[in-house]
N, C-alpha and C. Protein backbone atom coordinates (compact mmCIF):
# COMPACT_ATOMS: atom_id res chain seq x y z
N ILE A 1 111.23 104.59 81.39
CA ILE A 1 110.76 104.26 80.06
C ILE A 1 111.76 104.88 79.09
N THR A 2 112.69 104.09 78.68
CA THR A 2 113.76 104.61 77.84
C THR A 2 113.48 104.53 76.36
N ASN A 3 112.60 103.62 75.93
CA ASN A 3 112.37 103.45 74.51
C ASN A 3 111.13 104.22 74.02
N HIS A 4 110.63 105.13 74.81
CA HIS A 4 109.48 105.96 74.47
C HIS A 4 108.25 105.13 74.10
N ASP A 5 108.01 104.10 74.85
CA ASP A 5 106.86 103.24 74.61
C ASP A 5 105.63 103.87 75.25
N ILE A 6 104.72 104.35 74.42
CA ILE A 6 103.55 105.07 74.93
C ILE A 6 102.61 104.16 75.70
N ALA A 7 102.52 102.91 75.32
CA ALA A 7 101.64 101.98 76.05
C ALA A 7 102.15 101.76 77.48
N THR A 8 103.45 101.62 77.63
CA THR A 8 104.03 101.43 78.97
C THR A 8 103.85 102.70 79.81
N ALA A 9 104.04 103.85 79.20
CA ALA A 9 103.86 105.11 79.92
C ALA A 9 102.40 105.28 80.36
N ASN A 10 101.47 104.94 79.49
CA ASN A 10 100.06 105.03 79.85
C ASN A 10 99.70 104.05 80.96
N ALA A 11 100.23 102.85 80.90
CA ALA A 11 99.97 101.86 81.94
C ALA A 11 100.54 102.32 83.29
N ALA A 12 101.74 102.90 83.27
CA ALA A 12 102.35 103.40 84.50
C ALA A 12 101.54 104.56 85.08
N ALA A 13 101.09 105.46 84.23
CA ALA A 13 100.28 106.60 84.69
C ALA A 13 98.95 106.11 85.26
N PHE A 14 98.34 105.14 84.60
CA PHE A 14 97.08 104.58 85.08
C PHE A 14 97.27 103.94 86.46
N GLY A 15 98.33 103.15 86.61
CA GLY A 15 98.60 102.49 87.90
C GLY A 15 98.87 103.50 89.00
N ALA A 16 99.66 104.52 88.69
CA ALA A 16 99.96 105.54 89.69
C ALA A 16 98.69 106.26 90.11
N GLY A 17 97.85 106.60 89.15
CA GLY A 17 96.58 107.27 89.47
C GLY A 17 95.69 106.40 90.33
N CYS A 18 95.61 105.11 90.02
CA CYS A 18 94.79 104.20 90.83
C CYS A 18 95.30 104.13 92.27
N PHE A 19 96.61 104.05 92.43
CA PHE A 19 97.15 103.96 93.78
C PHE A 19 96.95 105.25 94.57
N VAL A 20 97.11 106.39 93.91
CA VAL A 20 96.91 107.67 94.62
C VAL A 20 95.47 107.81 95.06
N VAL A 21 94.54 107.58 94.16
CA VAL A 21 93.13 107.71 94.50
C VAL A 21 92.73 106.67 95.54
N GLY A 22 93.21 105.45 95.38
CA GLY A 22 92.89 104.39 96.34
C GLY A 22 93.45 104.67 97.72
N THR A 23 94.66 105.20 97.77
CA THR A 23 95.28 105.53 99.05
C THR A 23 94.52 106.64 99.75
N GLN A 24 94.10 107.65 99.01
CA GLN A 24 93.34 108.74 99.62
C GLN A 24 92.00 108.23 100.14
N ALA A 25 91.34 107.38 99.39
CA ALA A 25 90.06 106.83 99.85
C ALA A 25 90.27 105.99 101.11
N LEU A 26 91.34 105.23 101.17
CA LEU A 26 91.65 104.43 102.35
C LEU A 26 91.92 105.34 103.55
N LEU A 27 92.66 106.41 103.33
CA LEU A 27 92.93 107.36 104.40
C LEU A 27 91.65 107.98 104.93
N PHE A 28 90.75 108.35 104.03
CA PHE A 28 89.50 108.96 104.46
C PHE A 28 88.66 107.96 105.25
N GLY A 29 88.74 106.70 104.90
CA GLY A 29 87.98 105.68 105.62
C GLY A 29 88.58 105.34 106.98
N MET A 30 89.90 105.41 107.09
CA MET A 30 90.57 105.06 108.35
C MET A 30 90.64 106.23 109.33
N ALA A 31 90.66 107.44 108.84
CA ALA A 31 90.87 108.62 109.69
C ALA A 31 89.90 108.72 110.86
N PRO A 32 88.60 108.45 110.70
CA PRO A 32 87.70 108.60 111.84
C PRO A 32 88.05 107.69 113.02
N ASP A 33 88.68 106.57 112.76
CA ASP A 33 89.05 105.66 113.85
C ASP A 33 90.17 106.20 114.73
N TYR A 34 90.91 107.18 114.25
CA TYR A 34 92.08 107.67 114.97
C TYR A 34 91.83 108.99 115.70
N TYR A 35 90.62 109.51 115.63
CA TYR A 35 90.31 110.77 116.29
C TYR A 35 89.21 110.58 117.31
N ALA A 36 89.32 111.30 118.41
CA ALA A 36 88.26 111.29 119.42
C ALA A 36 87.01 111.91 118.80
N PRO A 37 85.82 111.48 119.26
CA PRO A 37 84.58 112.00 118.65
C PRO A 37 84.46 113.52 118.64
N VAL A 38 85.01 114.18 119.66
CA VAL A 38 84.85 115.63 119.75
C VAL A 38 85.62 116.37 118.65
N ILE A 39 86.69 115.79 118.11
CA ILE A 39 87.46 116.46 117.05
C ILE A 39 87.48 115.65 115.76
N ARG A 40 86.64 114.66 115.65
CA ARG A 40 86.66 113.76 114.49
C ARG A 40 86.42 114.52 113.18
N GLY A 41 85.48 115.42 113.17
CA GLY A 41 85.20 116.18 111.93
C GLY A 41 86.40 116.98 111.47
N ALA A 42 87.05 117.66 112.42
CA ALA A 42 88.22 118.45 112.06
C ALA A 42 89.37 117.55 111.61
N GLY A 43 89.56 116.42 112.27
CA GLY A 43 90.65 115.51 111.90
C GLY A 43 90.46 114.94 110.51
N VAL A 44 89.27 114.50 110.21
CA VAL A 44 89.00 113.95 108.88
C VAL A 44 89.08 115.06 107.84
N GLY A 45 88.62 116.25 108.18
CA GLY A 45 88.73 117.38 107.26
C GLY A 45 90.18 117.69 106.91
N TRP A 46 91.05 117.64 107.92
CA TRP A 46 92.47 117.87 107.66
C TRP A 46 93.06 116.76 106.80
N ALA A 47 92.64 115.53 107.03
CA ALA A 47 93.12 114.41 106.22
C ALA A 47 92.74 114.63 104.75
N VAL A 48 91.50 115.05 104.52
CA VAL A 48 91.04 115.31 103.16
C VAL A 48 91.83 116.48 102.56
N ALA A 49 92.02 117.53 103.33
CA ALA A 49 92.74 118.70 102.84
C ALA A 49 94.18 118.36 102.48
N MET A 50 94.86 117.58 103.30
CA MET A 50 96.24 117.23 103.01
C MET A 50 96.34 116.32 101.79
N GLY A 51 95.37 115.43 101.62
CA GLY A 51 95.34 114.59 100.42
C GLY A 51 95.17 115.42 99.16
N ARG A 52 94.27 116.39 99.23
CA ARG A 52 94.04 117.25 98.06
C ARG A 52 95.26 118.13 97.78
N ALA A 53 95.88 118.64 98.84
CA ALA A 53 97.07 119.47 98.65
C ALA A 53 98.20 118.66 98.02
N GLY A 54 98.37 117.43 98.49
CA GLY A 54 99.40 116.57 97.90
C GLY A 54 99.13 116.26 96.44
N SER A 55 97.87 116.08 96.10
CA SER A 55 97.52 115.82 94.70
C SER A 55 97.80 117.03 93.82
N PHE A 56 97.71 118.20 94.39
CA PHE A 56 97.97 119.41 93.62
C PHE A 56 99.46 119.71 93.53
N PHE A 57 100.14 119.71 94.67
CA PHE A 57 101.54 120.12 94.69
C PHE A 57 102.50 119.02 94.23
N GLY A 58 102.10 117.77 94.36
CA GLY A 58 102.98 116.67 93.95
C GLY A 58 103.46 116.75 92.52
N PRO A 59 102.59 116.97 91.55
CA PRO A 59 103.04 117.07 90.16
C PRO A 59 103.88 118.31 89.87
N LEU A 60 103.83 119.32 90.72
CA LEU A 60 104.64 120.51 90.50
C LEU A 60 106.13 120.26 90.76
N LEU A 61 106.43 119.29 91.60
CA LEU A 61 107.82 119.03 91.98
C LEU A 61 108.72 118.73 90.78
N PRO A 62 108.34 117.83 89.88
CA PRO A 62 109.24 117.58 88.75
C PRO A 62 109.49 118.82 87.90
N GLY A 63 108.51 119.65 87.75
CA GLY A 63 108.69 120.86 86.96
C GLY A 63 109.61 121.87 87.62
N MET A 64 109.62 121.87 88.95
CA MET A 64 110.44 122.85 89.66
C MET A 64 111.89 122.42 89.78
N VAL A 65 112.15 121.14 89.98
CA VAL A 65 113.53 120.71 90.25
C VAL A 65 114.17 119.99 89.08
N GLY A 66 113.42 119.64 88.08
CA GLY A 66 113.99 118.91 86.95
C GLY A 66 113.73 117.42 87.09
N GLN A 67 113.52 116.79 85.98
CA GLN A 67 113.08 115.41 85.97
C GLN A 67 114.06 114.45 86.64
N GLY A 68 115.34 114.63 86.44
CA GLY A 68 116.33 113.68 86.94
C GLY A 68 116.52 113.69 88.45
N LYS A 69 116.16 114.78 89.10
CA LYS A 69 116.42 114.93 90.53
C LYS A 69 115.23 114.55 91.40
N VAL A 70 114.08 114.29 90.81
CA VAL A 70 112.86 114.09 91.58
C VAL A 70 112.95 112.87 92.48
N LEU A 71 113.38 111.74 91.93
CA LEU A 71 113.44 110.52 92.73
C LEU A 71 114.39 110.68 93.91
N PHE A 72 115.53 111.31 93.67
CA PHE A 72 116.50 111.53 94.75
C PHE A 72 115.89 112.38 95.86
N LEU A 73 115.11 113.40 95.51
CA LEU A 73 114.49 114.27 96.51
C LEU A 73 113.32 113.61 97.21
N LEU A 74 112.65 112.66 96.54
CA LEU A 74 111.48 112.03 97.12
C LEU A 74 111.82 110.86 98.06
N LEU A 75 113.01 110.31 97.97
CA LEU A 75 113.35 109.16 98.81
C LEU A 75 113.18 109.44 100.30
N PRO A 76 113.68 110.57 100.83
CA PRO A 76 113.43 110.83 102.26
C PRO A 76 111.95 111.01 102.59
N VAL A 77 111.20 111.63 101.68
CA VAL A 77 109.77 111.83 101.91
C VAL A 77 109.05 110.49 101.95
N ILE A 78 109.40 109.60 101.03
CA ILE A 78 108.79 108.27 100.99
C ILE A 78 109.13 107.50 102.26
N ALA A 79 110.37 107.61 102.72
CA ALA A 79 110.78 106.92 103.95
C ALA A 79 110.00 107.42 105.16
N VAL A 80 109.86 108.73 105.29
CA VAL A 80 109.12 109.30 106.41
C VAL A 80 107.65 108.88 106.34
N ALA A 81 107.06 108.90 105.14
CA ALA A 81 105.67 108.50 104.99
C ALA A 81 105.49 107.03 105.35
N GLY A 82 106.45 106.18 104.98
CA GLY A 82 106.37 104.77 105.34
C GLY A 82 106.44 104.55 106.83
N VAL A 83 107.34 105.24 107.51
CA VAL A 83 107.45 105.12 108.96
C VAL A 83 106.17 105.63 109.63
N ALA A 84 105.63 106.74 109.15
CA ALA A 84 104.39 107.27 109.71
C ALA A 84 103.25 106.28 109.53
N ALA A 85 103.18 105.64 108.37
CA ALA A 85 102.12 104.65 108.12
C ALA A 85 102.27 103.46 109.05
N LEU A 86 103.49 103.01 109.28
CA LEU A 86 103.71 101.89 110.20
C LEU A 86 103.34 102.25 111.63
N LEU A 87 103.68 103.46 112.04
CA LEU A 87 103.33 103.90 113.39
C LEU A 87 101.82 104.01 113.56
N LEU A 88 101.13 104.51 112.56
CA LEU A 88 99.68 104.60 112.62
C LEU A 88 99.04 103.23 112.64
N ALA A 89 99.58 102.32 111.86
CA ALA A 89 99.02 100.96 111.83
C ALA A 89 99.23 100.25 113.16
N ALA A 90 100.33 100.53 113.85
CA ALA A 90 100.62 99.89 115.12
C ALA A 90 99.79 100.49 116.26
N ARG A 91 99.38 101.73 116.10
CA ARG A 91 98.60 102.41 117.14
C ARG A 91 97.16 101.93 117.09
N SER A 92 96.60 101.66 118.22
CA SER A 92 95.20 101.21 118.22
C SER A 92 94.26 102.41 118.04
N PRO A 93 93.20 102.25 117.27
CA PRO A 93 92.26 103.34 117.06
C PRO A 93 91.53 103.75 118.32
N GLN A 94 90.99 104.97 118.33
CA GLN A 94 90.17 105.44 119.44
C GLN A 94 88.91 104.61 119.53
N GLU A 95 88.46 104.39 120.71
CA GLU A 95 87.25 103.56 120.88
C GLU A 95 86.08 104.38 121.29
């Protein structure tokens, strides 16, 4: 956003928030299918904990490294998360 358009910034923030919350809800809904019944509670608990930790620590990154470097540092993280999501989607859930 180079022209300091507040409407565009608000729309981008709204969209990002929707995707983050939606992704976490999707993760919480899918997680029980990937854990055996004996450890399902712990597995889903860890999924919730990691989602909450990411929501907390994620916004700290731009403040720590500077605004211009954030995207460069996040590219490997995004790539690893994408590969992990593909591997999970390809794996069949526990029955």
